[in-house]
PDB file of N, CA and C in Angstrom:
ATOM      1  N   MET A   1       0.845  -1.170   0.000  1.00  0.00           N
ATOM      2  CA  MET A   1       0.000   0.000   0.000  1.00  0.00           C
ATOM      3  C   MET A   1       0.895   1.240   0.000  1.00  0.00           C
ATOM      4  N   PRO A   2       0.661   2.173  -0.905  1.00  0.00           N
ATOM      5  CA  PRO A   2       1.532   3.356  -0.970  1.00  0.00           C
ATOM      6  C   PRO A   2       1.273   4.300   0.197  1.00  0.00           C
ATOM      7  N   LEU A   3       2.324   5.069   0.525  1.00  0.00           N
ATOM      8  CA  LEU A   3       2.177   6.067   1.578  1.00  0.00           C
ATOM      9  C   LEU A   3       1.270   7.214   1.130  1.00  0.00           C
ATOM     10  N   TYR A   4       1.422   7.612  -0.127  1.00  0.00           N
ATOM     11  CA  TYR A   4       0.611   8.696  -0.675  1.00  0.00           C
ATOM     12  C   TYR A   4       0.331   8.383  -2.125  1.00  0.00           C
ATOM     13  N   GLU A   5      -0.891   8.617  -2.547  1.00  0.00           N
ATOM     14  CA  GLU A   5      -1.244   8.434  -3.947  1.00  0.00           C
ATOM     15  C   GLU A   5      -2.289   9.485  -4.277  1.00  0.00           C
ATOM     16  N   GLY A   6      -2.039  10.252  -5.314  1.00  0.00           N
ATOM     17  CA  GLY A   6      -2.991  11.293  -5.700  1.00  0.00           C
ATOM     18  C   GLY A   6      -2.670  11.848  -7.069  1.00  0.00           C
ATOM     19  N   PHE A   7      -3.565  12.626  -7.601  1.00  0.00           N
ATOM     20  CA  PHE A   7      -3.406  13.232  -8.923  1.00  0.00           C
ATOM     21  C   PHE A   7      -2.978  14.677  -8.746  1.00  0.00           C
ATOM     22  N   LEU A   8      -1.871  15.032  -9.416  1.00  0.00           N
ATOM     23  CA  LEU A   8      -1.446  16.432  -9.419  1.00  0.00           C
ATOM     24  C   LEU A   8      -2.267  17.230 -10.427  1.00  0.00           C
ATOM     25  N   SER A   9      -2.588  16.608 -11.529  1.00  0.00           N
ATOM     26  CA  SER A   9      -3.488  17.186 -12.529  1.00  0.00           C
ATOM     27  C   SER A   9      -4.234  16.025 -13.173  1.00  0.00           C
ATOM     28  N   SER A  10      -4.996  16.291 -14.209  1.00  0.00           N
ATOM     29  CA  SER A  10      -5.768  15.210 -14.831  1.00  0.00           C
ATOM     30  C   SER A  10      -4.875  14.213 -15.558  1.00  0.00           C
ATOM     31  N   SER A  11      -3.673  14.622 -15.930  1.00  0.00           N
ATOM     32  CA  SER A  11      -2.789  13.713 -16.667  1.00  0.00           C
ATOM     33  C   SER A  11      -1.554  13.290 -15.872  1.00  0.00           C
ATOM     34  N   CYS A  12      -1.385  13.783 -14.657  1.00  0.00           N
ATOM     35  CA  CYS A  12      -0.178  13.484 -13.874  1.00  0.00           C
ATOM     36  C   CYS A  12      -0.592  12.888 -12.528  1.00  0.00           C
ATOM     37  N   LYS A  13      -0.091  11.689 -12.252  1.00  0.00           N
ATOM     38  CA  LYS A  13      -0.411  10.975 -11.015  1.00  0.00           C
ATOM     39  C   LYS A  13       0.868  10.832 -10.187  1.00  0.00           C
ATOM     40  N   LEU A  14       0.780  11.079  -8.893  1.00  0.00           N
ATOM     41  CA  LEU A  14       1.930  10.964  -7.993  1.00  0.00           C
ATOM     42  C   LEU A  14       1.662   9.817  -7.032  1.00  0.00           C
ATOM     43  N   ARG A  15       2.642   8.911  -6.922  1.00  0.00           N
ATOM     44  CA  ARG A  15       2.528   7.763  -6.023  1.00  0.00           C
ATOM     45  C   ARG A  15       3.838   7.640  -5.248  1.00  0.00           C
ATOM     46  N   VAL A  16       3.758   7.654  -3.926  1.00  0.00           N
ATOM     47  CA  VAL A  16       4.935   7.541  -3.068  1.00  0.00           C
ATOM     48  C   VAL A  16       4.862   6.177  -2.394  1.00  0.00           C
ATOM     49  N   GLN A  17       5.863   5.323  -2.654  1.00  0.00           N
ATOM     50  CA  GLN A  17       5.896   3.981  -2.071  1.00  0.00           C
ATOM     51  C   GLN A  17       6.700   3.963  -0.762  1.00  0.00           C
ATOM     52  N   LYS A  18       7.828   4.656  -0.749  1.00  0.00           N
ATOM     53  CA  LYS A  18       8.735   4.554   0.386  1.00  0.00           C
ATOM     54  C   LYS A  18       9.362   5.916   0.659  1.00  0.00           C
ATOM     55  N   VAL A  19       9.420   6.283   1.911  1.00  0.00           N
ATOM     56  CA  VAL A  19      10.113   7.496   2.343  1.00  0.00           C
ATOM     57  C   VAL A  19      11.156   7.063   3.359  1.00  0.00           C
ATOM     58  N   GLU A  20      12.400   7.417   3.101  1.00  0.00           N
ATOM     59  CA  GLU A  20      13.487   7.022   3.991  1.00  0.00           C
ATOM     60  C   GLU A  20      14.099   8.280   4.591  1.00  0.00           C
ATOM     61  N   LEU A  21      14.257   8.281   5.896  1.00  0.00           N
ATOM     62  CA  LEU A  21      14.825   9.423   6.608  1.00  0.00           C
ATOM     63  C   LEU A  21      16.050   8.947   7.357  1.00  0.00           C
ATOM     64  N   ARG A  22      17.179   9.559   7.081  1.00  0.00           N
ATOM     65  CA  ARG A  22      18.417   9.221   7.784  1.00  0.00           C
ATOM     66  C   ARG A  22      18.880  10.439   8.570  1.00  0.00           C
ATOM     67  N   VAL A  23      19.150  10.214   9.829  1.00  0.00           N
ATOM     68  CA  VAL A  23      19.638  11.281  10.701  1.00  0.00           C
ATOM     69  C   VAL A  23      21.068  10.932  11.069  1.00  0.00           C
ATOM     70  N   ARG A  24      22.029  11.765  10.684  1.00  0.00           N
ATOM     71  CA  ARG A  24      23.434  11.480  10.964  1.00  0.00           C
ATOM     72  C   ARG A  24      23.833  11.924  12.366  1.00  0.00           C
ATOM     73  N   LYS A  25      23.319  13.044  12.800  1.00  0.00           N
ATOM     74  CA  LYS A  25      23.750  13.548  14.098  1.00  0.00           C
ATOM     75  C   LYS A  25      22.547  14.106  14.846  1.00  0.00           C
ATOM     76  N   VAL A  26      22.388  13.664  16.061  1.00  0.00           N
ATOM     77  CA  VAL A  26      21.368  14.189  16.957  1.00  0.00           C
ATOM     78  C   VAL A  26      22.092  14.662  18.207  1.00  0.00           C
ATOM     79  N   GLU A  27      21.889  15.891  18.548  1.00  0.00           N
ATOM     80  CA  GLU A  27      22.573  16.455  19.709  1.00  0.00           C
ATOM     81  C   GLU A  27      21.546  16.710  20.804  1.00  0.00           C
ATOM     82  N   LEU A  28      21.813  16.151  21.953  1.00  0.00           N
ATOM     83  CA  LEU A  28      20.931  16.301  23.103  1.00  0.00           C
ATOM     84  C   LEU A  28      21.748  16.902  24.233  1.00  0.00           C
ATOM     85  N   ARG A  29      21.313  18.045  24.713  1.00  0.00           N
ATOM     86  CA  ARG A  29      22.012  18.692  25.814  1.00  0.00           C
ATOM     87  C   ARG A  29      21.075  18.757  27.017  1.00  0.00           C
ATOM     88  N   VAL A  30      21.485  18.164  28.104  1.00  0.00           N
ATOM     89  CA  VAL A  30      20.751  18.263  29.364  1.00  0.00           C
ATOM     90  C   VAL A  30      21.673  18.982  30.333  1.00  0.00           C
ATOM     91  N   THR A  31      21.306  20.198  30.687  1.00  0.00           N
ATOM     92  CA  THR A  31      22.207  20.987  31.528  1.00  0.00           C
ATOM     93  C   THR A  31      22.032  20.679  33.012  1.00  0.00           C
ATOM     94  N   LYS A  32      20.840  20.224  33.386  1.00  0.00           N
ATOM     95  CA  LYS A  32      20.637  19.961  34.810  1.00  0.00           C
ATOM     96  C   LYS A  32      19.617  18.847  34.973  1.00  0.00           C
ATOM     97  N   VAL A  33      19.989  17.827  35.719  1.00  0.00           N
ATOM     98  CA  VAL A  33      19.060  16.761  36.108  1.00  0.00           C
ATOM     99  C   VAL A  33      19.083  16.702  37.630  1.00  0.00           C
ATOM    100  N   GLU A  34      17.936  16.887  38.226  1.00  0.00           N
ATOM    101  CA  GLU A  34      17.850  16.961  39.682  1.00  0.00           C
ATOM    102  C   GLU A  34      16.960  15.832  40.182  1.00  0.00           C
ATOM    103  N   LEU A  35      17.475  15.027  41.076  1.00  0.00           N
ATOM    104  CA  LEU A  35      16.719  13.919  41.661  1.00  0.00           C
ATOM    105  C   LEU A  35      16.672  14.126  43.168  1.00  0.00           C
ATOM    106  N   ARG A  36      15.475  14.221  43.705  1.00  0.00           N
ATOM    107  CA  ARG A  36      15.321  14.426  45.143  1.00  0.00           C
ATOM    108  C   ARG A  36      14.547  13.260  45.733  1.00  0.00           C
ATOM    109  N   VAL A  37      15.102  12.635  46.735  1.00  0.00           N
ATOM    110  CA  VAL A  37      14.408  11.597  47.494  1.00  0.00           C
ATOM    111  C   VAL A  37      14.180  12.176  48.880  1.00  0.00           C
ATOM    112  N   THR A  38      12.920  12.428  49.204  1.00  0.00           N
ATOM    113  CA  THR A  38      12.637  13.123  50.460  1.00  0.00           C
ATOM    114  C   THR A  38      12.557  12.174  51.646  1.00  0.00           C
ATOM    115  N   LYS A  39      12.209  10.928  51.398  1.00  0.00           N
ATOM    116  CA  LYS A  39      12.072  10.016  52.526  1.00  0.00           C
ATOM    117  C   LYS A  39      12.565   8.637  52.120  1.00  0.00           C
ATOM    118  N   VAL A  40      13.502   8.084  52.903  1.00  0.00           N
ATOM    119  CA  VAL A  40      13.964   6.705  52.737  1.00  0.00           C
ATOM    120  C   VAL A  40      13.770   6.015  54.081  1.00  0.00           C
ATOM    121  N   GLU A  41      13.046   4.929  54.054  1.00  0.00           N
ATOM    122  CA  GLU A  41      12.722   4.225  55.290  1.00  0.00           C
ATOM    123  C   GLU A  41      13.340   2.833  55.240  1.00  0.00           C
ATOM    124  N   LEU A  42      14.138   2.500  56.251  1.00  0.00           N
ATOM    125  CA  LEU A  42      14.772   1.186  56.343  1.00  0.00           C
ATOM    126  C   LEU A  42      14.362   0.557  57.666  1.00  0.00           C
ATOM    127  N   ARG A  43      13.743  -0.618  57.548  1.00  0.00           N
ATOM    128  CA  ARG A  43      13.303  -1.313  58.759  1.00  0.00           C
ATOM    129  C   ARG A  43      13.991  -2.667  58.840  1.00  0.00           C
ATOM    130  N   VAL A  44      14.603  -2.940  59.989  1.00  0.00           N
ATOM    131  CA  VAL A  44      15.193  -4.253  60.265  1.00  0.00           C
ATOM    132  C   VAL A  44      14.393  -4.832  61.421  1.00  0.00           C
ATOM    133  N   SER A  45      13.709  -5.929  61.139  1.00  0.00           N
ATOM    134  CA  SER A  45      12.794  -6.454  62.154  1.00  0.00           C
ATOM    135  C   SER A  45      13.509  -7.327  63.180  1.00  0.00           C
ATOM    136  N   LYS A  46      14.562  -8.007  62.773  1.00  0.00           N
ATOM    137  CA  LYS A  46      15.225  -8.909  63.715  1.00  0.00           C
ATOM    138  C   LYS A  46      16.721  -8.906  63.447  1.00  0.00           C
ATOM    139  N   VAL A  47      17.497  -8.688  64.499  1.00  0.00           N
ATOM    140  CA  VAL A  47      18.954  -8.803  64.435  1.00  0.00           C
ATOM    141  C   VAL A  47      19.357  -9.807  65.504  1.00  0.00           C
ATOM    142  N   GLU A  48      20.079 -10.839  65.110  1.00  0.00           N
ATOM    143  CA  GLU A  48      20.462 -11.910  66.028  1.00  0.00           C
ATOM    144  C   GLU A  48      21.986 -11.997  66.064  1.00  0.00           C
ATOM    145  N   LEU A  49      22.541 -11.918  67.264  1.00  0.00           N
ATOM    146  CA  LEU A  49      23.984 -11.998  67.451  1.00  0.00           C
ATOM    147  C   LEU A  49      24.260 -13.102  68.465  1.00  0.00           C
ATOM    148  N   ARG A  50      25.070 -14.070  68.050  1.00  0.00           N
ATOM    149  CA  ARG A  50      25.392 -15.195  68.933  1.00  0.00           C
ATOM    150  C   ARG A  50      26.900 -15.255  69.155  1.00  0.00           C
ATOM    151  N   VAL A  51      27.287 -15.315  70.433  1.00  0.00           N
ATOM    152  CA  VAL A  51      28.680 -15.491  70.808  1.00  0.00           C
ATOM    153  C   VAL A  51      28.759 -16.785  71.611  1.00  0.00           C
ATOM    154  N   ARG A  52      29.519 -17.749  71.119  1.00  0.00           N
ATOM    155  CA  ARG A  52      29.537 -19.075  71.762  1.00  0.00           C
ATOM    156  C   ARG A  52      30.453 -19.108  72.990  1.00  0.00           C
ATOM    157  N   LYS A  53      31.623 -18.520  72.867  1.00  0.00           N
ATOM    158  CA  LYS A  53      32.558 -18.651  73.984  1.00  0.00           C
ATOM    159  C   LYS A  53      33.311 -17.332  74.166  1.00  0.00           C
ATOM    160  N   VAL A  54      33.331 -16.842  75.404  1.00  0.00           N
ATOM    161  CA  VAL A  54      34.119 -15.672  75.771  1.00  0.00           C
ATOM    162  C   VAL A  54      34.969 -16.078  76.969  1.00  0.00           C
ATOM    163  N   GLU A  55      36.305 -15.888  76.871  1.00  0.00           N
ATOM    164  CA  GLU A  55      37.212 -16.275  77.951  1.00  0.00           C
ATOM    165  C   GLU A  55      37.930 -15.018  78.433  1.00  0.00           C
ATOM    166  N   LEU A  56      37.873 -14.796  79.746  1.00  0.00           N
ATOM    167  CA  LEU A  56      38.497 -13.615  80.331  1.00  0.00           C
ATOM    168  C   LEU A  56      39.382 -14.067  81.485  1.00  0.00           C
ATOM    169  N   GLN A  57      40.706 -13.751  81.420  1.00  0.00           N
ATOM    170  CA  GLN A  57      41.641 -14.092  82.489  1.00  0.00           C
ATOM    171  C   GLN A  57      42.198 -12.800  83.068  1.00  0.00           C
ATOM    172  N   VAL A  58      42.533 -12.866  84.375  1.00  0.00           N
ATOM    173  CA  VAL A  58      42.977 -11.668  85.072  1.00  0.00           C
ATOM    174  C   VAL A  58      44.409 -11.305  84.683  1.00  0.00           C
ATOM    175  N   GLN A  59      45.334 -12.260  84.587  1.00  0.00           N
ATOM    176  CA  GLN A  59      46.715 -11.955  84.243  1.00  0.00           C
ATOM    177  C   GLN A  59      46.814 -11.411  82.816  1.00  0.00           C
ATOM    178  N   LYS A  60      46.055 -11.970  81.977  1.00  0.00           N
ATOM    179  CA  LYS A  60      46.083 -11.568  80.576  1.00  0.00           C
ATOM    180  C   LYS A  60      44.637 -11.504  80.101  1.00  0.00           C
ATOM    181  N   VAL A  61      44.327 -10.443  79.465  1.00  0.00           N
ATOM    182  CA  VAL A  61      42.959 -10.311  78.968  1.00  0.00           C
ATOM    183  C   VAL A  61      42.916 -10.915  77.574  1.00  0.00           C
ATOM    184  N   GLU A  62      42.074 -11.889  77.420  1.00  0.00           N
ATOM    185  CA  GLU A  62      41.983 -12.594  76.153  1.00  0.00           C
ATOM    186  C   GLU A  62      40.507 -12.720  75.790  1.00  0.00           C
ATOM    187  N   LEU A  63      40.212 -12.337  74.631  1.00  0.00           N
ATOM    188  CA  LEU A  63      38.830 -12.433  74.162  1.00  0.00           C
ATOM    189  C   LEU A  63      38.817 -13.322  72.929  1.00  0.00           C
ATOM    190  N   ARG A  64      38.105 -14.410  73.029  1.00  0.00           N
ATOM    191  CA  ARG A  64      38.003 -15.331  71.903  1.00  0.00           C
ATOM    192  C   ARG A  64      36.530 -15.459  71.512  1.00  0.00           C
ATOM    193  N   VAL A  65      36.286 -15.238  70.303  1.00  0.00           N
ATOM    194  CA  VAL A  65      34.932 -15.407  69.782  1.00  0.00           C
ATOM    195  C   VAL A  65      35.027 -16.457  68.695  1.00  0.00           C
ATOM    196  N   LYS A  66      34.411 -17.607  68.927  1.00  0.00           N
ATOM    197  CA  LYS A  66      34.517 -18.694  67.954  1.00  0.00           C
ATOM    198  C   LYS A  66      33.588 -18.465  66.769  1.00  0.00           C
ATOM    199  N   LYS A  67      32.392 -18.005  67.059  1.00  0.00           N
ATOM    200  CA  LYS A  67      31.438 -17.840  65.967  1.00  0.00           C
ATOM    201  C   LYS A  67      30.593 -16.602  66.224  1.00  0.00           C
ATOM    202  N   VAL A  68      30.519 -15.772  65.251  1.00  0.00           N
ATOM    203  CA  VAL A  68      29.639 -14.606  65.304  1.00  0.00           C
ATOM    204  C   VAL A  68      28.649 -14.755  64.156  1.00  0.00           C
ATOM    205  N   GLU A  69      27.383 -14.709  64.483  1.00  0.00           N
ATOM    206  CA  GLU A  69      26.344 -14.885  63.478  1.00  0.00           C
ATOM    207  C   GLU A  69      25.457 -13.649  63.479  1.00  0.00           C
ATOM    208  N   LEU A  70      25.281 -13.080  62.336  1.00  0.00           N
ATOM    209  CA  LEU A  70      24.386 -11.931  62.190  1.00  0.00           C
ATOM    210  C   LEU A  70      23.362 -12.285  61.122  1.00  0.00           C
ATOM    211  N   ARG A  71      22.108 -12.301  61.522  1.00  0.00           N
ATOM    212  CA  ARG A  71      21.040 -12.642  60.585  1.00  0.00           C
ATOM    213  C   ARG A  71      20.073 -11.469  60.488  1.00  0.00           C
ATOM    214  N   VAL A  72      19.831 -11.055  59.300  1.00  0.00           N
ATOM    215  CA  VAL A  72      18.821 -10.028  59.039  1.00  0.00           C
ATOM    216  C   VAL A  72      17.700 -10.731  58.287  1.00  0.00           C
ATOM    217  N   THR A  73      16.559 -10.870  58.933  1.00  0.00           N
ATOM    218  CA  THR A  73      15.485 -11.661  58.319  1.00  0.00           C
ATOM    219  C   THR A  73      14.672 -10.850  57.320  1.00  0.00           C
ATOM    220  N   LYS A  74      14.503  -9.571  57.578  1.00  0.00           N
ATOM    221  CA  LYS A  74      13.670  -8.775  56.680  1.00  0.00           C
ATOM    222  C   LYS A  74      14.264  -7.388  56.549  1.00  0.00           C
ATOM    223  N   VAL A  75      14.486  -6.963  55.331  1.00  0.00           N
ATOM    224  CA  VAL A  75      14.947  -5.602  55.045  1.00  0.00           C
ATOM    225  C   VAL A  75      13.920  -4.982  54.114  1.00  0.00           C
ATOM    226  N   GLU A  76      13.382  -3.852  54.512  1.00  0.00           N
ATOM    227  CA  GLU A  76      12.353  -3.193  53.733  1.00  0.00           C
ATOM    228  C   GLU A  76      12.838  -1.798  53.392  1.00  0.00           C
ATOM    229  N   LEU A  77      12.842  -1.467  52.130  1.00  0.00           N
ATOM    230  CA  LEU A  77      13.255  -0.134  51.680  1.00  0.00           C
ATOM    231  C   LEU A  77      12.084   0.478  50.940  1.00  0.00           C
ATOM    232  N   ARG A  78      11.620   1.614  51.446  1.00  0.00           N
ATOM    233  CA  ARG A  78      10.490   2.288  50.815  1.00  0.00           C
ATOM    234  C   ARG A  78      10.911   3.682  50.391  1.00  0.00           C
ATOM    235  N   VAL A  79      10.700   3.988  49.139  1.00  0.00           N
ATOM    236  CA  VAL A  79      10.909   5.343  48.626  1.00  0.00           C
ATOM    237  C   VAL A  79       9.521   5.872  48.307  1.00  0.00           C
ATOM    238  N   THR A  80       9.061   6.818  49.115  1.00  0.00           N
ATOM    239  CA  THR A  80       7.673   7.251  48.970  1.00  0.00           C
ATOM    240  C   THR A  80       7.520   8.363  47.938  1.00  0.00           C
ATOM    241  N   ILE A  81       8.451   9.280  47.891  1.00  0.00           N
ATOM    242  CA  ILE A  81       8.325  10.404  46.965  1.00  0.00           C
ATOM    243  C   ILE A  81       9.605  10.493  46.151  1.00  0.00           C
ATOM    244  N   VAL A  82       9.474  10.437  44.839  1.00  0.00           N
ATOM    245  CA  VAL A  82      10.613  10.613  43.940  1.00  0.00           C
ATOM    246  C   VAL A  82      10.286  11.783  43.033  1.00  0.00           C
ATOM    247  N   LYS A  83      11.113  12.808  43.086  1.00  0.00           N
ATOM    248  CA  LYS A  83      10.916  13.962  42.215  1.00  0.00           C
ATOM    249  C   LYS A  83      12.074  14.019  41.229  1.00  0.00           C
ATOM    250  N   LEU A  84      11.753  14.070  39.974  1.00  0.00           N
ATOM    251  CA  LEU A  84      12.764  14.172  38.921  1.00  0.00           C
ATOM    252  C   LEU A  84      12.467  15.437  38.148  1.00  0.00           C
ATOM    253  N   ARG A  85      13.428  16.353  38.161  1.00  0.00           N
ATOM    254  CA  ARG A  85      13.225  17.620  37.490  1.00  0.00           C
ATOM    255  C   ARG A  85      14.291  17.783  36.411  1.00  0.00           C
ATOM    256  N   VAL A  86      13.876  18.000  35.180  1.00  0.00           N
ATOM    257  CA  VAL A  86      14.798  18.202  34.064  1.00  0.00           C
ATOM    258  C   VAL A  86      14.556  19.604  33.545  1.00  0.00           C
ATOM    259  N   THR A  87      15.596  20.438  33.582  1.00  0.00           N
ATOM    260  CA  THR A  87      15.458  21.803  33.080  1.00  0.00           C
ATOM    261  C   THR A  87      16.449  22.032  31.952  1.00  0.00           C
ATOM    262  N   ASN A  88      16.117  22.958  31.099  1.00  0.00           N
ATOM    263  CA  ASN A  88      16.968  23.366  29.974  1.00  0.00           C
ATOM    264  C   ASN A  88      17.331  22.186  29.083  1.00  0.00           C
ATOM    265  N   MET A  89      16.333  21.564  28.502  1.00  0.00           N
ATOM    266  CA  MET A  89      16.571  20.460  27.575  1.00  0.00           C
ATOM    267  C   MET A  89      16.325  20.975  26.165  1.00  0.00           C
ATOM    268  N   PHE A  90      17.321  20.828  25.297  1.00  0.00           N
ATOM    269  CA  PHE A  90      17.224  21.310  23.931  1.00  0.00           C
ATOM    270  C   PHE A  90      16.955  20.131  23.015  1.00  0.00           C
ATOM    271  N   LEU A  91      15.774  20.073  22.451  1.00  0.00           N
ATOM    272  CA  LEU A  91      15.397  18.985  21.554  1.00  0.00           C
ATOM    273  C   LEU A  91      14.704  19.569  20.335  1.00  0.00           C
ATOM    274  N   THR A  92      14.877  18.911  19.214  1.00  0.00           N
ATOM    275  CA  THR A  92      14.114  19.285  18.038  1.00  0.00           C
ATOM    276  C   THR A  92      12.732  18.658  18.151  1.00  0.00           C
ATOM    277  N   PRO A  93      11.747  19.122  17.379  1.00  0.00           N
ATOM    278  CA  PRO A  93      10.406  18.529  17.464  1.00  0.00           C
ATOM    279  C   PRO A  93      10.433  17.049  17.117  1.00  0.00           C
ATOM    280  N   ASN A  94       9.480  16.315  17.649  1.00  0.00           N
ATOM    281  CA  ASN A  94       9.276  14.879  17.425  1.00  0.00           C
ATOM    282  C   ASN A  94      10.293  14.015  18.151  1.00  0.00           C
ATOM    283  N   PHE A  95      11.151  14.581  18.961  1.00  0.00           N
ATOM    284  CA  PHE A  95      12.050  13.761  19.768  1.00  0.00           C
ATOM    285  C   PHE A  95      11.493  13.686  21.183  1.00  0.00           C
ATOM    286  N   GLN A  96      11.597  12.528  21.776  1.00  0.00           N
ATOM    287  CA  GLN A  96      11.137  12.347  23.144  1.00  0.00           C
ATOM    288  C   GLN A  96      12.254  11.718  23.956  1.00  0.00           C
ATOM    289  N   VAL A  97      12.388  12.153  25.186  1.00  0.00           N
ATOM    290  CA  VAL A  97      13.307  11.510  26.129  1.00  0.00           C
ATOM    291  C   VAL A  97      12.440  10.902  27.226  1.00  0.00           C
ATOM    292  N   LEU A  98      12.553   9.607  27.401  1.00  0.00           N
ATOM    293  CA  LEU A  98      11.716   8.901  28.360  1.00  0.00           C
ATOM    294  C   LEU A  98      12.554   8.503  29.567  1.00  0.00           C
ATOM    295  N   PHE A  99      12.141   8.930  30.735  1.00  0.00           N
ATOM    296  CA  PHE A  99      12.793   8.541  31.973  1.00  0.00           C
ATOM    297  C   PHE A  99      11.926   7.469  32.626  1.00  0.00           C
ATOM    298  N   THR A 100      12.491   6.307  32.861  1.00  0.00           N
ATOM    299  CA  THR A 100      11.722   5.234  33.471  1.00  0.00           C
ATOM    300  C   THR A 100      12.295   4.941  34.848  1.00  0.00           C
ATOM    301  N   PHE A 101      11.415   4.628  35.767  1.00  0.00           N
ATOM    302  CA  PHE A 101      11.803   4.365  37.154  1.00  0.00           C
ATOM    303  C   PHE A 101      11.153   3.067  37.583  1.00  0.00           C
ATOM    304  N   ASP A 102      11.969   2.108  37.989  1.00  0.00           N
ATOM    305  CA  ASP A 102      11.411   0.879  38.538  1.00  0.00           C
ATOM    306  C   ASP A 102      11.906   0.716  39.971  1.00  0.00           C
ATOM    307  N   LYS A 103      11.698  -0.458  40.571  1.00  0.00           N
ATOM    308  CA  LYS A 103      12.023  -0.644  41.986  1.00  0.00           C
ATOM    309  C   LYS A 103      13.521  -0.656  42.243  1.00  0.00           C
ATOM    310  N   GLN A 104      14.330  -0.951  41.246  1.00  0.00           N
ATOM    311  CA  GLN A 104      15.765  -1.057  41.491  1.00  0.00           C
ATOM    312  C   GLN A 104      16.512   0.236  41.157  1.00  0.00           C
ATOM    313  N   SER A 105      16.193   0.857  40.020  1.00  0.00           N
ATOM    314  CA  SER A 105      17.048   1.964  39.594  1.00  0.00           C
ATOM    315  C   SER A 105      16.281   2.916  38.695  1.00  0.00           C
ATOM    316  N   LEU A 106      16.958   3.993  38.349  1.00  0.00           N
ATOM    317  CA  LEU A 106      16.422   5.005  37.446  1.00  0.00           C
ATOM    318  C   LEU A 106      17.190   4.928  36.147  1.00  0.00           C
ATOM    319  N   HIS A 107      16.482   4.723  35.045  1.00  0.00           N
ATOM    320  CA  HIS A 107      17.123   4.588  33.747  1.00  0.00           C
ATOM    321  C   HIS A 107      16.956   5.894  32.984  1.00  0.00           C
ATOM    322  N   VAL A 108      18.065   6.533  32.609  1.00  0.00           N
ATOM    323  CA  VAL A 108      18.042   7.812  31.912  1.00  0.00           C
ATOM    324  C   VAL A 108      19.048   7.760  30.795  1.00  0.00           C
ATOM    325  N   PRO A 109      18.770   8.234  29.626  1.00  0.00           N
ATOM    326  CA  PRO A 109      17.459   8.389  29.032  1.00  0.00           C
ATOM    327  C   PRO A 109      17.244   7.353  27.941  1.00  0.00           C
ATOM    328  N   GLU A 110      16.046   7.281  27.451  1.00  0.00           N
ATOM    329  CA  GLU A 110      15.737   6.503  26.254  1.00  0.00           C
ATOM    330  C   GLU A 110      15.215   7.501  25.241  1.00  0.00           C
ATOM    331  N   ILE A 111      15.855   7.602  24.091  1.00  0.00           N
ATOM    332  CA  ILE A 111      15.511   8.616  23.101  1.00  0.00           C
ATOM    333  C   ILE A 111      14.754   7.946  21.967  1.00  0.00           C
ATOM    334  N   SER A 112      13.612   8.500  21.613  1.00  0.00           N
ATOM    335  CA  SER A 112      12.859   7.958  20.488  1.00  0.00           C
ATOM    336  C   SER A 112      12.468   9.089  19.553  1.00  0.00           C
ATOM    337  N   TYR A 113      12.337   8.767  18.282  1.00  0.00           N
ATOM    338  CA  TYR A 113      11.978   9.743  17.265  1.00  0.00           C
ATOM    339  C   TYR A 113      10.755   9.234  16.536  1.00  0.00           C
ATOM    340  N   SER A 114       9.773  10.083  16.361  1.00  0.00           N
ATOM    341  CA  SER A 114       8.574   9.669  15.644  1.00  0.00           C
ATOM    342  C   SER A 114       8.173  10.752  14.653  1.00  0.00           C
ATOM    343  N   ARG A 115       7.673  10.322  13.516  1.00  0.00           N
ATOM    344  CA  ARG A 115       7.239  11.258  12.479  1.00  0.00           C
ATOM    345  C   ARG A 115       6.086  10.620  11.733  1.00  0.00           C
ATOM    346  N   ASP A 116       5.011  11.327  11.557  1.00  0.00           N
ATOM    347  CA  ASP A 116       3.862  10.826  10.819  1.00  0.00           C
ATOM    348  C   ASP A 116       3.849  11.437   9.428  1.00  0.00           C
ATOM    349  N   PHE A 117       3.563  10.634   8.432  1.00  0.00           N
ATOM    350  CA  PHE A 117       3.470  11.090   7.050  1.00  0.00           C
ATOM    351  C   PHE A 117       2.019  11.007   6.585  1.00  0.00           C
ATOM    352  N   ASP A 118       1.118  11.541   7.360  1.00  0.00           N
ATOM    353  CA  ASP A 118      -0.307  11.484   6.996  1.00  0.00           C
ATOM    354  C   ASP A 118      -0.678  12.610   6.058  1.00  0.00           C
TER     355      ASP A 118
END
């Protein structure tokens, strides 16, 4: 199916099958990216410390710890408010910069270009 098909005059027909656009250089300048995390909450519900043997002598002070065990059963990290502010971004029309945020990290940026030939 052609992208465009029409008559320029009664004897001249124009049909466009393919339009190819090549961009050699795209320049993106981001002068300031500001990320503010206002609240970080860390909860440790259980900390267990076991010392099997402690030996203390009067002539010589000796401390022997055979086994030290530290178990953290639950670690919860909550980021309640994430503010991302991008100022002074120079882009040509039809370019988009997508900032995605998931539970592990912030991915910056993903650049996409779109153009409609309607």
